Amino acid sequence: MSANASTILVVEDDDIVRMLIVDVLEELEFTVLEAEDGGKALAILADSGNAIDLMMTDHGLPGMDGRELSQRARQLRPALPILFASGYAETIDVPSDMQVIGKPFSIDQLRDKVKSILK
């Protein structure tokens, strides 16, 4: 799968962090959709016109946290790959069929993790 054929939904409540992740992924030639909270992410996922190959979500979102978002996202799209980003990557409990990347992460770490999930 070539990078430019893949669409990633980035869910991050911190505007600056979200902007940086989006910029990096776009530089890597991914198509990126973005949401600042779980509700907006679910609206994007519910729109069948949006082809989404991966959802990358902050684990510590306010309101609906990343774990709840991932469960609800999988109700809409059961096969959706999910990547959690967390400053507490060592301590969060993620389902075995989901991935996690620790914050802060380098551009290379993000690229390698995303590409390994999408292949």
Protein backbone atom coordinates (compact mmCIF):
# COMPACT_ATOMS: atom_id res chain seq x y z
CA MET A 1 0.00 0.00 0.00
CA SER A 2 1.55 3.31 -0.98
CA ALA A 3 1.45 6.13 1.54
CA ASN A 4 -0.56 8.47 -0.67
CA ALA A 5 -3.33 5.85 -0.91
CA SER A 6 -3.78 5.84 2.89
CA THR A 7 -5.98 8.15 4.94
CA ILE A 8 -5.36 8.69 8.64
CA LEU A 9 -7.81 10.22 11.11
CA VAL A 10 -5.89 12.11 13.81
CA VAL A 11 -7.77 12.75 17.06
CA GLU A 12 -5.94 15.10 19.43
CA ASP A 13 -7.35 17.78 21.73
CA ASP A 14 -4.15 19.86 21.89
CA ASP A 15 -4.25 22.12 18.81
CA ILE A 16 -0.47 22.48 18.52
CA VAL A 17 0.22 18.75 18.92
CA ARG A 18 -2.55 17.91 16.42
CA MET A 19 -1.16 20.42 13.92
CA LEU A 20 2.35 18.98 14.22
CA ILE A 21 1.16 15.38 13.77
CA VAL A 22 -0.97 16.38 10.77
CA ASP A 23 1.95 18.28 9.21
CA VAL A 24 4.31 15.32 9.63
CA LEU A 25 1.82 12.82 8.21
CA GLU A 26 1.05 15.09 5.25
CA GLU A 27 4.79 15.47 4.57
CA LEU A 28 4.94 11.66 4.51
CA GLU A 29 2.22 11.87 1.80
CA PHE A 30 -0.69 10.52 3.81
CA THR A 31 -4.13 12.04 3.47
CA VAL A 32 -5.13 13.32 6.92
CA LEU A 33 -8.49 14.03 8.50
CA GLU A 34 -8.49 15.64 11.92
CA ALA A 35 -10.73 15.94 14.95
CA GLU A 36 -10.16 17.63 18.29
CA ASP A 37 -12.46 15.32 20.26
CA GLY A 38 -14.18 11.97 20.21
CA GLY A 39 -17.54 13.31 19.08
CA LYS A 40 -16.08 14.93 15.98
CA ALA A 41 -14.04 11.79 15.27
CA LEU A 42 -17.16 9.61 15.45
CA ALA A 43 -18.98 11.95 13.07
CA ILE A 44 -16.12 11.59 10.57
CA LEU A 45 -16.12 7.80 11.01
CA ALA A 46 -19.91 7.62 10.59
CA ASP A 47 -19.66 9.32 7.17
CA SER A 48 -19.29 6.39 4.79
CA GLY A 49 -17.79 8.76 2.21
CA ASN A 50 -14.62 8.95 4.29
CA ALA A 51 -12.18 6.14 3.51
CA ILE A 52 -10.06 5.80 6.65
CA ASP A 53 -7.16 3.37 6.88
CA LEU A 54 -6.01 4.23 10.43
CA MET A 55 -7.23 6.22 13.41
CA MET A 56 -4.50 7.75 15.56
CA THR A 57 -5.93 9.04 18.82
CA ASP A 58 -4.65 10.62 21.98
CA HIS A 59 -5.40 8.27 24.86
CA GLY A 60 -6.09 11.11 27.30
CA LEU A 61 -8.85 13.00 25.52
CA PRO A 62 -11.21 15.07 27.69
CA GLY A 63 -14.76 13.78 27.93
CA MET A 64 -14.74 10.60 25.86
CA ASP A 65 -11.23 9.24 26.32
CA GLY A 66 -9.30 7.42 23.62
CA ARG A 67 -10.26 3.99 24.89
CA GLU A 68 -14.00 4.73 24.76
CA LEU A 69 -13.53 6.38 21.37
CA SER A 70 -11.75 3.30 20.06
CA GLN A 71 -14.58 1.02 21.24
CA ARG A 72 -17.21 3.21 19.61
CA ALA A 73 -15.10 3.59 16.45
CA ARG A 74 -14.88 -0.19 16.13
CA GLN A 75 -18.69 -0.40 16.34
CA LEU A 76 -18.81 1.79 13.22
CA ARG A 77 -15.78 0.25 11.49
CA PRO A 78 -14.89 -3.14 13.00
CA ALA A 79 -11.62 -3.61 11.08
CA LEU A 80 -10.27 -0.08 11.68
CA PRO A 81 -6.62 -0.12 12.83
CA ILE A 82 -6.14 2.09 15.89
CA LEU A 83 -2.96 3.73 17.14
CA PHE A 84 -2.98 5.35 20.58
CA ALA A 85 -0.56 8.18 21.32
CA SER A 86 0.18 8.68 25.00
CA GLY A 87 2.68 10.27 27.30
CA TYR A 88 2.01 7.27 29.53
CA ALA A 89 2.50 4.55 26.90
CA GLU A 90 4.11 2.16 29.39
CA THR A 91 1.18 2.28 31.79
CA ILE A 92 -1.94 2.36 29.61
CA ASP A 93 -3.82 -0.82 28.90
CA VAL A 94 -4.60 -1.17 25.20
CA PRO A 95 -6.39 -4.08 23.54
CA SER A 96 -4.07 -6.58 21.88
CA ASP A 97 -5.35 -5.67 18.41
CA MET A 98 -4.45 -1.99 18.83
CA GLN A 99 -1.06 -0.25 18.88
CA VAL A 100 0.48 2.49 21.04
CA ILE A 101 3.22 5.04 20.50
CA GLY A 102 4.73 7.00 23.38
CA LYS A 103 4.74 10.80 23.41
CA PRO A 104 6.97 12.51 22.64
CA PHE A 105 7.89 10.57 19.51
CA SER A 106 10.22 11.41 16.66
CA ILE A 107 9.16 11.82 13.05
CA ASP A 108 10.97 8.57 12.25
CA GLN A 109 9.20 6.70 15.06
CA LEU A 110 5.81 7.96 13.87
CA ARG A 111 6.57 7.10 10.23
CA ASP A 112 7.81 3.61 11.11
CA LYS A 113 4.86 2.85 13.41
CA VAL A 114 2.25 4.05 10.92
CA LYS A 115 3.83 2.21 8.00
CA SER A 116 4.08 -1.02 10.02
CA ILE A 117 0.36 -0.80 10.87
CA LEU A 118 -0.70 -0.04 7.30
CA LYS A 119 1.27 -2.76 5.52
